[in-house]
Amino acid sequence: MDKKYTSLEEVRFFLAQNTSSSETTPIFQANVFEQVINCLGSAEYVIEVGISRGGLSCQLAFLLENTGKKLILIDIAEECIQWTKHLIQELGITTTIIYFTGTFQQFVDAHPDIQPSFIIIDAGHTYDEVTQDIRTLKRMKYQPPAVAFHDFSLRYGRSSLARLIRVDRAVIDQYLRNGHKYQEIGASDEHAMQRILSISESAGNYYYHDCNYPEGIMVITDEKKFMTYSPYGWKRLKAWPSSPWFLKSRWINMRSRWINIVRKNVLKIRNFLPYENSGSGRS
């Protein structure tokens, strides 16, 4: 099939017509695409974990065309794989693409010698799921120079999910607290977040993006390799904990810790206080 689209804007218009626009903002896409291009020289493959309806996948395929690099698309849902494959065929994109139905861990177990130049993770959003994907990445024989995570700011209104859906905490615990350099990417203000805001009151649940946090975050996994391609604009959590989302989370954690200490001490004091019998209470 002859290629029918010659720019990313045309590809995005096609995706919108097919109800497959990316759930990421154009700012996030621009940040990711810039680093994908920067890292192309480090290895052969770009990997996207969690492709949904293929909105970002199609743009990555278009971006990598004529670069000689290959794209790996991973998702647990076969219908997402087939729909994305259909879209890429309709777009006439000739990039070599490997489709894999399954988890990131299953893919790495099946292809232990894969050498990625960049990885985008936007699959499961619970703390445990993100932690598992990060641990899988860390076990890879060849580490990519950097990895990007979407939905760093994602929150759920329902209390049961609010405690589980925390991409940010998993990334902080697995990478940032260990000194990995990072860069905030994507939208970080209320106006830009409106594009990815979704509320479903009728379902008794809603999700939103905390505007005190960035939409996504990019983490350097191999500093020696990555800083050759993009040496500027990166922060280290231990050295510069100045991001408002980190300061806020640190204050909340400190407040919760002190509240728990006070509560425990109050209970201890109450247990040791002598009880005065007024004639109507316990004896």
C-alpha atoms as a PDB file:
ATOM      1  CA  MET A   1       0.000   0.000   0.000  1.00  0.00           C
ATOM      2  CA  ASP A   2       1.289   3.442  -0.922  1.00  0.00           C
ATOM      3  CA  LYS A   3       1.885   5.733   2.006  1.00  0.00           C
ATOM      4  CA  LYS A   4      -1.027   8.176   2.303  1.00  0.00           C
ATOM      5  CA  TYR A   5       0.125  10.330   5.203  1.00  0.00           C
ATOM      6  CA  THR A   6       3.183  12.561   5.280  1.00  0.00           C
ATOM      7  CA  SER A   7       3.082  14.264   8.695  1.00  0.00           C
ATOM      8  CA  LEU A   8       2.245  13.487  12.323  1.00  0.00           C
ATOM      9  CA  GLU A   9      -0.664  15.923  12.142  1.00  0.00           C
ATOM     10  CA  GLU A  10      -2.198  13.939   9.293  1.00  0.00           C
ATOM     11  CA  VAL A  11      -1.692  10.715  11.250  1.00  0.00           C
ATOM     12  CA  ARG A  12      -3.392  12.259  14.307  1.00  0.00           C
ATOM     13  CA  PHE A  13      -6.318  13.410  12.179  1.00  0.00           C
ATOM     14  CA  PHE A  14      -6.717   9.885  10.794  1.00  0.00           C
ATOM     15  CA  LEU A  15      -6.636   8.454  14.332  1.00  0.00           C
ATOM     16  CA  ALA A  16      -9.266  10.937  15.508  1.00  0.00           C
ATOM     17  CA  GLN A  17     -11.546   9.921  12.639  1.00  0.00           C
ATOM     18  CA  ASN A  18     -11.188   6.292  13.754  1.00  0.00           C
ATOM     19  CA  THR A  19     -11.808   7.085  17.457  1.00  0.00           C
ATOM     20  CA  SER A  20      -8.254   6.066  18.236  1.00  0.00           C
ATOM     21  CA  SER A  21      -6.629   9.312  19.335  1.00  0.00           C
ATOM     22  CA  SER A  22      -3.877   8.841  21.866  1.00  0.00           C
ATOM     23  CA  GLU A  23      -4.890   9.241  25.512  1.00  0.00           C
ATOM     24  CA  THR A  24      -1.691  11.197  26.027  1.00  0.00           C
ATOM     25  CA  THR A  25      -1.408  14.951  25.468  1.00  0.00           C
ATOM     26  CA  PRO A  26       0.529  16.427  22.509  1.00  0.00           C
ATOM     27  CA  ILE A  27       3.040  17.781  25.065  1.00  0.00           C
ATOM     28  CA  PHE A  28       3.710  14.260  26.375  1.00  0.00           C
ATOM     29  CA  GLN A  29       4.020  12.935  22.826  1.00  0.00           C
ATOM     30  CA  ALA A  30       6.495  15.662  21.851  1.00  0.00           C
ATOM     31  CA  ASN A  31       8.643  14.985  24.934  1.00  0.00           C
ATOM     32  CA  VAL A  32       8.684  11.235  24.278  1.00  0.00           C
ATOM     33  CA  PHE A  33       9.345  11.554  20.539  1.00  0.00           C
ATOM     34  CA  GLU A  34      12.287  13.868  21.195  1.00  0.00           C
ATOM     35  CA  GLN A  35      13.977  11.340  23.474  1.00  0.00           C
ATOM     36  CA  VAL A  36      13.121   8.411  21.186  1.00  0.00           C
ATOM     37  CA  ILE A  37      15.011  10.189  18.398  1.00  0.00           C
ATOM     38  CA  ASN A  38      17.883  11.064  20.774  1.00  0.00           C
ATOM     39  CA  CYS A  39      18.294   7.409  21.784  1.00  0.00           C
ATOM     40  CA  LEU A  40      18.011   5.811  18.335  1.00  0.00           C
ATOM     41  CA  GLY A  41      21.735   5.255  18.097  1.00  0.00           C
ATOM     42  CA  SER A  42      21.927   3.118  21.242  1.00  0.00           C
ATOM     43  CA  ALA A  43      20.029   0.009  20.083  1.00  0.00           C
ATOM     44  CA  GLU A  44      17.634  -1.429  17.504  1.00  0.00           C
ATOM     45  CA  TYR A  45      14.222  -1.560  19.203  1.00  0.00           C
ATOM     46  CA  VAL A  46      11.711   0.880  20.672  1.00  0.00           C
ATOM     47  CA  ILE A  47       9.196  -0.832  22.983  1.00  0.00           C
ATOM     48  CA  GLU A  48       5.716   0.308  23.988  1.00  0.00           C
ATOM     49  CA  VAL A  49       4.047  -1.629  26.809  1.00  0.00           C
ATOM     50  CA  GLY A  50       0.263  -1.117  26.900  1.00  0.00           C
ATOM     51  CA  ILE A  51      -1.001   0.180  23.545  1.00  0.00           C
ATOM     52  CA  SER A  52      -4.770   0.546  24.142  1.00  0.00           C
ATOM     53  CA  ARG A  53      -6.310   1.629  20.789  1.00  0.00           C
ATOM     54  CA  GLY A  54      -2.977   2.348  19.148  1.00  0.00           C
ATOM     55  CA  GLY A  55      -3.034   6.144  19.270  1.00  0.00           C
ATOM     56  CA  LEU A  56       0.577   6.503  20.368  1.00  0.00           C
ATOM     57  CA  SER A  57       1.719   3.295  18.646  1.00  0.00           C
ATOM     58  CA  CYS A  58       0.785   4.563  15.173  1.00  0.00           C
ATOM     59  CA  GLN A  59       2.660   7.783  15.736  1.00  0.00           C
ATOM     60  CA  LEU A  60       5.741   5.910  16.933  1.00  0.00           C
ATOM     61  CA  ALA A  61       5.572   3.665  13.865  1.00  0.00           C
ATOM     62  CA  PHE A  62       5.356   6.747  11.629  1.00  0.00           C
ATOM     63  CA  LEU A  63       8.255   8.401  13.482  1.00  0.00           C
ATOM     64  CA  LEU A  64      10.524   5.353  13.113  1.00  0.00           C
ATOM     65  CA  GLU A  65       9.851   4.900   9.406  1.00  0.00           C
ATOM     66  CA  ASN A  66      13.036   5.137   7.338  1.00  0.00           C
ATOM     67  CA  THR A  67      15.240   5.040  10.472  1.00  0.00           C
ATOM     68  CA  GLY A  68      16.001   1.318  10.209  1.00  0.00           C
ATOM     69  CA  LYS A  69      14.766   0.819  13.769  1.00  0.00           C
ATOM     70  CA  LYS A  70      12.044  -1.616  14.827  1.00  0.00           C
ATOM     71  CA  LEU A  71       8.983  -1.129  17.024  1.00  0.00           C
ATOM     72  CA  ILE A  72       7.720  -3.686  19.554  1.00  0.00           C
ATOM     73  CA  LEU A  73       4.100  -3.352  20.692  1.00  0.00           C
ATOM     74  CA  ILE A  74       2.984  -5.288  23.772  1.00  0.00           C
ATOM     75  CA  ASP A  75      -0.521  -5.635  25.203  1.00  0.00           C
ATOM     76  CA  ILE A  76      -2.467  -8.299  27.083  1.00  0.00           C
ATOM     77  CA  ALA A  77      -5.569  -7.721  24.924  1.00  0.00           C
ATOM     78  CA  GLU A  78      -5.539  -9.390  21.494  1.00  0.00           C
ATOM     79  CA  GLU A  79      -8.235  -6.998  20.218  1.00  0.00           C
ATOM     80  CA  CYS A  80      -5.927  -4.036  20.926  1.00  0.00           C
ATOM     81  CA  ILE A  81      -3.115  -5.712  19.002  1.00  0.00           C
ATOM     82  CA  GLN A  82      -5.336  -6.490  16.007  1.00  0.00           C
ATOM     83  CA  TRP A  83      -6.920  -3.020  15.914  1.00  0.00           C
ATOM     84  CA  THR A  84      -3.517  -1.306  16.059  1.00  0.00           C
ATOM     85  CA  LYS A  85      -2.199  -3.577  13.310  1.00  0.00           C
ATOM     86  CA  HIS A  86      -5.223  -2.620  11.192  1.00  0.00           C
ATOM     87  CA  LEU A  87      -4.619   1.114  11.742  1.00  0.00           C
ATOM     88  CA  ILE A  88      -0.941   0.870  10.820  1.00  0.00           C
ATOM     89  CA  GLN A  89      -1.801  -1.020   7.640  1.00  0.00           C
ATOM     90  CA  GLU A  90      -4.391   1.636   6.733  1.00  0.00           C
ATOM     91  CA  LEU A  91      -1.789   4.344   7.291  1.00  0.00           C
ATOM     92  CA  GLY A  92       0.579   2.582   4.903  1.00  0.00           C
ATOM     93  CA  ILE A  93       3.460   2.676   7.396  1.00  0.00           C
ATOM     94  CA  THR A  94       6.351   0.362   6.489  1.00  0.00           C
ATOM     95  CA  THR A  95       8.204   0.294   9.821  1.00  0.00           C
ATOM     96  CA  THR A  96       9.109  -3.237  10.954  1.00  0.00           C
ATOM     97  CA  ILE A  97       6.810  -4.007  13.895  1.00  0.00           C
ATOM     98  CA  ILE A  98       6.742  -6.952  16.280  1.00  0.00           C
ATOM     99  CA  TYR A  99       3.357  -7.515  17.955  1.00  0.00           C
ATOM    100  CA  PHE A 100       3.181  -9.452  21.212  1.00  0.00           C
ATOM    101  CA  THR A 101       0.040 -10.460  23.098  1.00  0.00           C
ATOM    102  CA  GLY A 102       0.858 -10.903  26.774  1.00  0.00           C
ATOM    103  CA  THR A 103       2.525  -9.153  29.683  1.00  0.00           C
ATOM    104  CA  PHE A 104       5.850  -7.337  29.609  1.00  0.00           C
ATOM    105  CA  GLN A 105       7.336 -10.082  31.776  1.00  0.00           C
ATOM    106  CA  GLN A 106       6.170 -12.777  29.351  1.00  0.00           C
ATOM    107  CA  PHE A 107       7.749 -10.886  26.460  1.00  0.00           C
ATOM    108  CA  VAL A 108      11.101 -10.482  28.229  1.00  0.00           C
ATOM    109  CA  ASP A 109      11.085 -14.157  29.224  1.00  0.00           C
ATOM    110  CA  ALA A 110      10.473 -15.096  25.574  1.00  0.00           C
ATOM    111  CA  HIS A 111      13.071 -12.635  24.189  1.00  0.00           C
ATOM    112  CA  PRO A 112      15.872 -12.347  26.785  1.00  0.00           C
ATOM    113  CA  ASP A 113      18.427 -10.918  24.337  1.00  0.00           C
ATOM    114  CA  ILE A 114      16.333  -7.994  23.075  1.00  0.00           C
ATOM    115  CA  GLN A 115      18.203  -4.664  23.049  1.00  0.00           C
ATOM    116  CA  PRO A 116      15.858  -1.663  23.450  1.00  0.00           C
ATOM    117  CA  SER A 117      16.843   1.937  22.802  1.00  0.00           C
ATOM    118  CA  PHE A 118      13.767   3.300  24.588  1.00  0.00           C
ATOM    119  CA  ILE A 119      10.743   1.917  26.479  1.00  0.00           C
ATOM    120  CA  ILE A 120       7.328   3.500  27.098  1.00  0.00           C
ATOM    121  CA  ILE A 121       5.235   1.916  29.869  1.00  0.00           C
ATOM    122  CA  ASP A 122       1.511   2.666  29.993  1.00  0.00           C
ATOM    123  CA  ALA A 123      -0.010  -0.678  30.968  1.00  0.00           C
ATOM    124  CA  GLY A 124      -1.489  -1.557  34.379  1.00  0.00           C
ATOM    125  CA  HIS A 125      -1.737   1.458  36.680  1.00  0.00           C
ATOM    126  CA  THR A 126      -1.885  -0.109  40.125  1.00  0.00           C
ATOM    127  CA  TYR A 127       1.144   0.168  42.373  1.00  0.00           C
ATOM    128  CA  ASP A 128       1.789  -3.581  42.148  1.00  0.00           C
ATOM    129  CA  GLU A 129       1.413  -3.722  38.342  1.00  0.00           C
ATOM    130  CA  VAL A 130       3.782  -0.812  37.736  1.00  0.00           C
ATOM    131  CA  THR A 131       6.259  -2.219  40.256  1.00  0.00           C
ATOM    132  CA  GLN A 132       6.163  -5.581  38.449  1.00  0.00           C
ATOM    133  CA  ASP A 133       6.829  -3.915  35.066  1.00  0.00           C
ATOM    134  CA  ILE A 134       9.776  -1.982  36.543  1.00  0.00           C
ATOM    135  CA  ARG A 135      11.247  -5.116  38.099  1.00  0.00           C
ATOM    136  CA  THR A 136      10.877  -6.875  34.745  1.00  0.00           C
ATOM    137  CA  LEU A 137      12.707  -4.004  33.062  1.00  0.00           C
ATOM    138  CA  LYS A 138      15.488  -4.146  35.643  1.00  0.00           C
ATOM    139  CA  ARG A 139      15.948  -7.862  34.946  1.00  0.00           C
ATOM    140  CA  MET A 140      16.490  -7.273  31.227  1.00  0.00           C
ATOM    141  CA  LYS A 141      19.922  -8.329  30.021  1.00  0.00           C
ATOM    142  CA  TYR A 142      20.278  -5.076  28.064  1.00  0.00           C
ATOM    143  CA  GLN A 143      18.961  -1.932  29.740  1.00  0.00           C
ATOM    144  CA  PRO A 144      17.545   0.926  27.644  1.00  0.00           C
ATOM    145  CA  PRO A 145      19.085   4.363  28.238  1.00  0.00           C
ATOM    146  CA  ALA A 146      15.711   5.673  29.480  1.00  0.00           C
ATOM    147  CA  VAL A 147      12.084   4.718  30.138  1.00  0.00           C
ATOM    148  CA  ALA A 148       8.936   6.867  30.083  1.00  0.00           C
ATOM    149  CA  PHE A 149       5.850   6.342  32.264  1.00  0.00           C
ATOM    150  CA  HIS A 150       2.432   7.805  31.505  1.00  0.00           C
ATOM    151  CA  ASP A 151      -0.335   8.603  34.027  1.00  0.00           C
ATOM    152  CA  PHE A 152       2.062   9.638  36.772  1.00  0.00           C
ATOM    153  CA  SER A 153      -0.696  12.012  37.922  1.00  0.00           C
ATOM    154  CA  LEU A 154      -3.630   9.584  37.556  1.00  0.00           C
ATOM    155  CA  ARG A 155      -5.998   9.413  40.532  1.00  0.00           C
ATOM    156  CA  TYR A 156      -9.317   7.690  41.195  1.00  0.00           C
ATOM    157  CA  GLY A 157     -12.204   9.072  43.194  1.00  0.00           C
ATOM    158  CA  ARG A 158     -13.404   5.724  44.521  1.00  0.00           C
ATOM    159  CA  SER A 159     -11.552   5.036  47.757  1.00  0.00           C
ATOM    160  CA  SER A 160     -10.848   1.374  46.965  1.00  0.00           C
ATOM    161  CA  LEU A 161      -9.109   2.333  43.715  1.00  0.00           C
ATOM    162  CA  ALA A 162      -7.556   5.527  45.064  1.00  0.00           C
ATOM    163  CA  ARG A 163      -5.275   3.440  47.271  1.00  0.00           C
ATOM    164  CA  LEU A 164      -4.289   1.119  44.415  1.00  0.00           C
ATOM    165  CA  ILE A 165      -3.846   3.353  41.353  1.00  0.00           C
ATOM    166  CA  ARG A 166      -0.522   5.034  42.084  1.00  0.00           C
ATOM    167  CA  VAL A 167       1.945   4.998  39.204  1.00  0.00           C
ATOM    168  CA  ASP A 168       3.869   7.804  40.901  1.00  0.00           C
ATOM    169  CA  ARG A 169       4.560   5.901  44.114  1.00  0.00           C
ATOM    170  CA  ALA A 170       5.826   2.842  42.243  1.00  0.00           C
ATOM    171  CA  VAL A 171       8.229   4.941  40.126  1.00  0.00           C
ATOM    172  CA  ILE A 172       9.438   6.898  43.158  1.00  0.00           C
ATOM    173  CA  ASP A 173      10.027   3.748  45.208  1.00  0.00           C
ATOM    174  CA  GLN A 174      11.728   1.772  42.435  1.00  0.00           C
ATOM    175  CA  TYR A 175      13.762   4.512  40.743  1.00  0.00           C
ATOM    176  CA  LEU A 176      13.767   8.030  42.147  1.00  0.00           C
ATOM    177  CA  ARG A 177      14.520   7.180  45.769  1.00  0.00           C
ATOM    178  CA  ASN A 178      17.521   5.213  44.486  1.00  0.00           C
ATOM    179  CA  GLY A 179      19.013   8.294  42.857  1.00  0.00           C
ATOM    180  CA  HIS A 180      17.989   7.843  39.224  1.00  0.00           C
ATOM    181  CA  LYS A 181      17.779  11.072  37.261  1.00  0.00           C
ATOM    182  CA  TYR A 182      14.363  12.001  35.940  1.00  0.00           C
ATOM    183  CA  GLN A 183      12.480  14.591  33.920  1.00  0.00           C
ATOM    184  CA  GLU A 184       8.848  15.617  34.243  1.00  0.00           C
ATOM    185  CA  ILE A 185       7.077  15.283  30.890  1.00  0.00           C
ATOM    186  CA  GLY A 186       3.659  16.010  29.466  1.00  0.00           C
ATOM    187  CA  ALA A 187       1.000  18.342  30.805  1.00  0.00           C
ATOM    188  CA  SER A 188       1.192  19.683  34.333  1.00  0.00           C
ATOM    189  CA  ASP A 189      -1.468  22.380  34.495  1.00  0.00           C
ATOM    190  CA  GLU A 190      -5.241  22.260  34.813  1.00  0.00           C
ATOM    191  CA  HIS A 191      -6.008  23.656  31.352  1.00  0.00           C
ATOM    192  CA  ALA A 192      -3.867  21.076  29.541  1.00  0.00           C
ATOM    193  CA  MET A 193      -5.135  18.264  31.757  1.00  0.00           C
ATOM    194  CA  GLN A 194      -8.703  18.863  30.614  1.00  0.00           C
ATOM    195  CA  ARG A 195      -7.877  17.014  27.405  1.00  0.00           C
ATOM    196  CA  ILE A 196      -7.308  13.769  29.276  1.00  0.00           C
ATOM    197  CA  LEU A 197      -9.832  14.323  32.079  1.00  0.00           C
ATOM    198  CA  SER A 198     -12.647  11.776  32.221  1.00  0.00           C
ATOM    199  CA  ILE A 199     -15.508  11.690  34.715  1.00  0.00           C
ATOM    200  CA  SER A 200     -18.285   9.090  34.904  1.00  0.00           C
ATOM    201  CA  GLU A 201     -20.646  10.035  37.709  1.00  0.00           C
ATOM    202  CA  SER A 202     -23.299   7.547  36.596  1.00  0.00           C
ATOM    203  CA  ALA A 203     -20.913   4.660  37.170  1.00  0.00           C
ATOM    204  CA  GLY A 204     -20.355   5.822  40.729  1.00  0.00           C
ATOM    205  CA  ASN A 205     -16.683   6.341  40.019  1.00  0.00           C
ATOM    206  CA  TYR A 206     -14.438   8.875  38.342  1.00  0.00           C
ATOM    207  CA  TYR A 207     -10.795   9.382  37.587  1.00  0.00           C
ATOM    208  CA  TYR A 208      -8.826  12.566  37.166  1.00  0.00           C
ATOM    209  CA  HIS A 209      -5.281  13.915  36.934  1.00  0.00           C
ATOM    210  CA  ASP A 210      -3.765  15.669  39.925  1.00  0.00           C
ATOM    211  CA  CYS A 211      -2.540  18.993  38.535  1.00  0.00           C
ATOM    212  CA  ASN A 212       0.163  19.167  41.212  1.00  0.00           C
ATOM    213  CA  TYR A 213       1.874  16.277  39.437  1.00  0.00           C
ATOM    214  CA  PRO A 214       3.185  15.924  35.855  1.00  0.00           C
ATOM    215  CA  GLU A 215       1.255  13.802  33.365  1.00  0.00           C
ATOM    216  CA  GLY A 216       4.274  11.558  32.908  1.00  0.00           C
ATOM    217  CA  ILE A 217       7.849  11.061  33.966  1.00  0.00           C
ATOM    218  CA  MET A 218      10.979   9.932  32.159  1.00  0.00           C
ATOM    219  CA  VAL A 219      13.680   8.101  34.085  1.00  0.00           C
ATOM    220  CA  ILE A 220      17.287   7.453  33.084  1.00  0.00           C
ATOM    221  CA  THR A 221      18.001   3.754  33.607  1.00  0.00           C
ATOM    222  CA  ASP A 222      21.554   3.742  32.232  1.00  0.00           C
ATOM    223  CA  GLU A 223      23.157   7.101  32.972  1.00  0.00           C
ATOM    224  CA  LYS A 224      26.478   6.496  31.241  1.00  0.00           C
ATOM    225  CA  LYS A 225      24.708   5.498  28.042  1.00  0.00           C
ATOM    226  CA  PHE A 226      21.949   8.110  28.119  1.00  0.00           C
ATOM    227  CA  MET A 227      23.844  11.281  29.035  1.00  0.00           C
ATOM    228  CA  THR A 228      25.722  10.947  25.743  1.00  0.00           C
ATOM    229  CA  TYR A 229      22.452  11.664  23.911  1.00  0.00           C
ATOM    230  CA  SER A 230      20.670  14.131  26.210  1.00  0.00           C
ATOM    231  CA  PRO A 231      22.909  15.621  28.925  1.00  0.00           C
ATOM    232  CA  TYR A 232      20.750  18.565  30.019  1.00  0.00           C
ATOM    233  CA  GLY A 233      17.485  19.194  31.855  1.00  0.00           C
ATOM    234  CA  TRP A 234      17.559  16.227  34.221  1.00  0.00           C
ATOM    235  CA  LYS A 235      17.101  16.183  38.000  1.00  0.00           C
ATOM    236  CA  ARG A 236      17.985  13.768  40.754  1.00  0.00           C
ATOM    237  CA  LEU A 237      15.471  13.352  43.568  1.00  0.00           C
ATOM    238  CA  LYS A 238      18.013  13.025  46.370  1.00  0.00           C
ATOM    239  CA  ALA A 239      19.959  16.071  45.242  1.00  0.00           C
ATOM    240  CA  TRP A 240      17.142  18.387  44.175  1.00  0.00           C
ATOM    241  CA  PRO A 241      13.786  17.451  45.784  1.00  0.00           C
ATOM    242  CA  SER A 242      12.244  20.699  44.577  1.00  0.00           C
ATOM    243  CA  SER A 243       9.357  19.413  42.455  1.00  0.00           C
ATOM    244  CA  PRO A 244       6.016  20.550  43.923  1.00  0.00           C
ATOM    245  CA  TRP A 245       4.551  17.036  43.637  1.00  0.00           C
ATOM    246  CA  PHE A 246       7.447  15.591  45.641  1.00  0.00           C
ATOM    247  CA  LEU A 247       7.319  18.296  48.303  1.00  0.00           C
ATOM    248  CA  LYS A 248       3.575  17.818  48.627  1.00  0.00           C
ATOM    249  CA  SER A 249       3.852  14.029  48.925  1.00  0.00           C
ATOM    250  CA  ARG A 250       6.701  14.386  51.430  1.00  0.00           C
ATOM    251  CA  TRP A 251       4.636  16.790  53.560  1.00  0.00           C
ATOM    252  CA  ILE A 252       1.621  14.461  53.428  1.00  0.00           C
ATOM    253  CA  ASN A 253       3.778  11.499  54.458  1.00  0.00           C
ATOM    254  CA  MET A 254       5.294  13.468  57.347  1.00  0.00           C
ATOM    255  CA  ARG A 255       1.878  14.656  58.481  1.00  0.00           C
ATOM    256  CA  SER A 256       0.455  11.127  58.374  1.00  0.00           C
ATOM    257  CA  ARG A 257       3.449   9.798  60.300  1.00  0.00           C
ATOM    258  CA  TRP A 258       3.065  12.401  63.071  1.00  0.00           C
ATOM    259  CA  ILE A 259      -0.695  11.865  63.286  1.00  0.00           C
ATOM    260  CA  ASN A 260      -0.132   8.142  63.769  1.00  0.00           C
ATOM    261  CA  ILE A 261       2.517   8.778  66.443  1.00  0.00           C
ATOM    262  CA  VAL A 262       0.219  11.156  68.315  1.00  0.00           C
ATOM    263  CA  ARG A 263      -2.679   8.716  68.135  1.00  0.00           C
ATOM    264  CA  LYS A 264      -0.587   5.854  69.472  1.00  0.00           C
ATOM    265  CA  ASN A 265       0.753   7.968  72.334  1.00  0.00           C
ATOM    266  CA  VAL A 266      -2.714   9.225  73.249  1.00  0.00           C
ATOM    267  CA  LEU A 267      -3.956   5.639  73.442  1.00  0.00           C
ATOM    268  CA  LYS A 268      -0.989   4.671  75.608  1.00  0.00           C
ATOM    269  CA  ILE A 269      -1.614   7.618  77.953  1.00  0.00           C
ATOM    270  CA  ARG A 270      -5.301   6.769  78.222  1.00  0.00           C
ATOM    271  CA  ASN A 271      -4.475   3.181  79.128  1.00  0.00           C
ATOM    272  CA  PHE A 272      -2.250   4.284  82.004  1.00  0.00           C
ATOM    273  CA  LEU A 273      -4.500   7.032  83.395  1.00  0.00           C
ATOM    274  CA  PRO A 274      -6.340   6.038  86.623  1.00  0.00           C
ATOM    275  CA  TYR A 275     -10.085   5.675  86.117  1.00  0.00           C
ATOM    276  CA  GLU A 276     -12.268   7.645  88.524  1.00  0.00           C
ATOM    277  CA  ASN A 277     -15.502   5.829  89.289  1.00  0.00           C
ATOM    278  CA  SER A 278     -18.384   8.297  89.327  1.00  0.00           C
ATOM    279  CA  GLY A 279     -20.906   5.632  90.224  1.00  0.00           C
ATOM    280  CA  SER A 280     -22.370   5.358  86.726  1.00  0.00           C
ATOM    281  CA  GLY A 281     -19.467   3.971  84.720  1.00  0.00           C
ATOM    282  CA  ARG A 282     -17.107   1.029  84.843  1.00  0.00           C
ATOM    283  CA  SER A 283     -15.887  -0.277  88.220  1.00  0.00           C
END
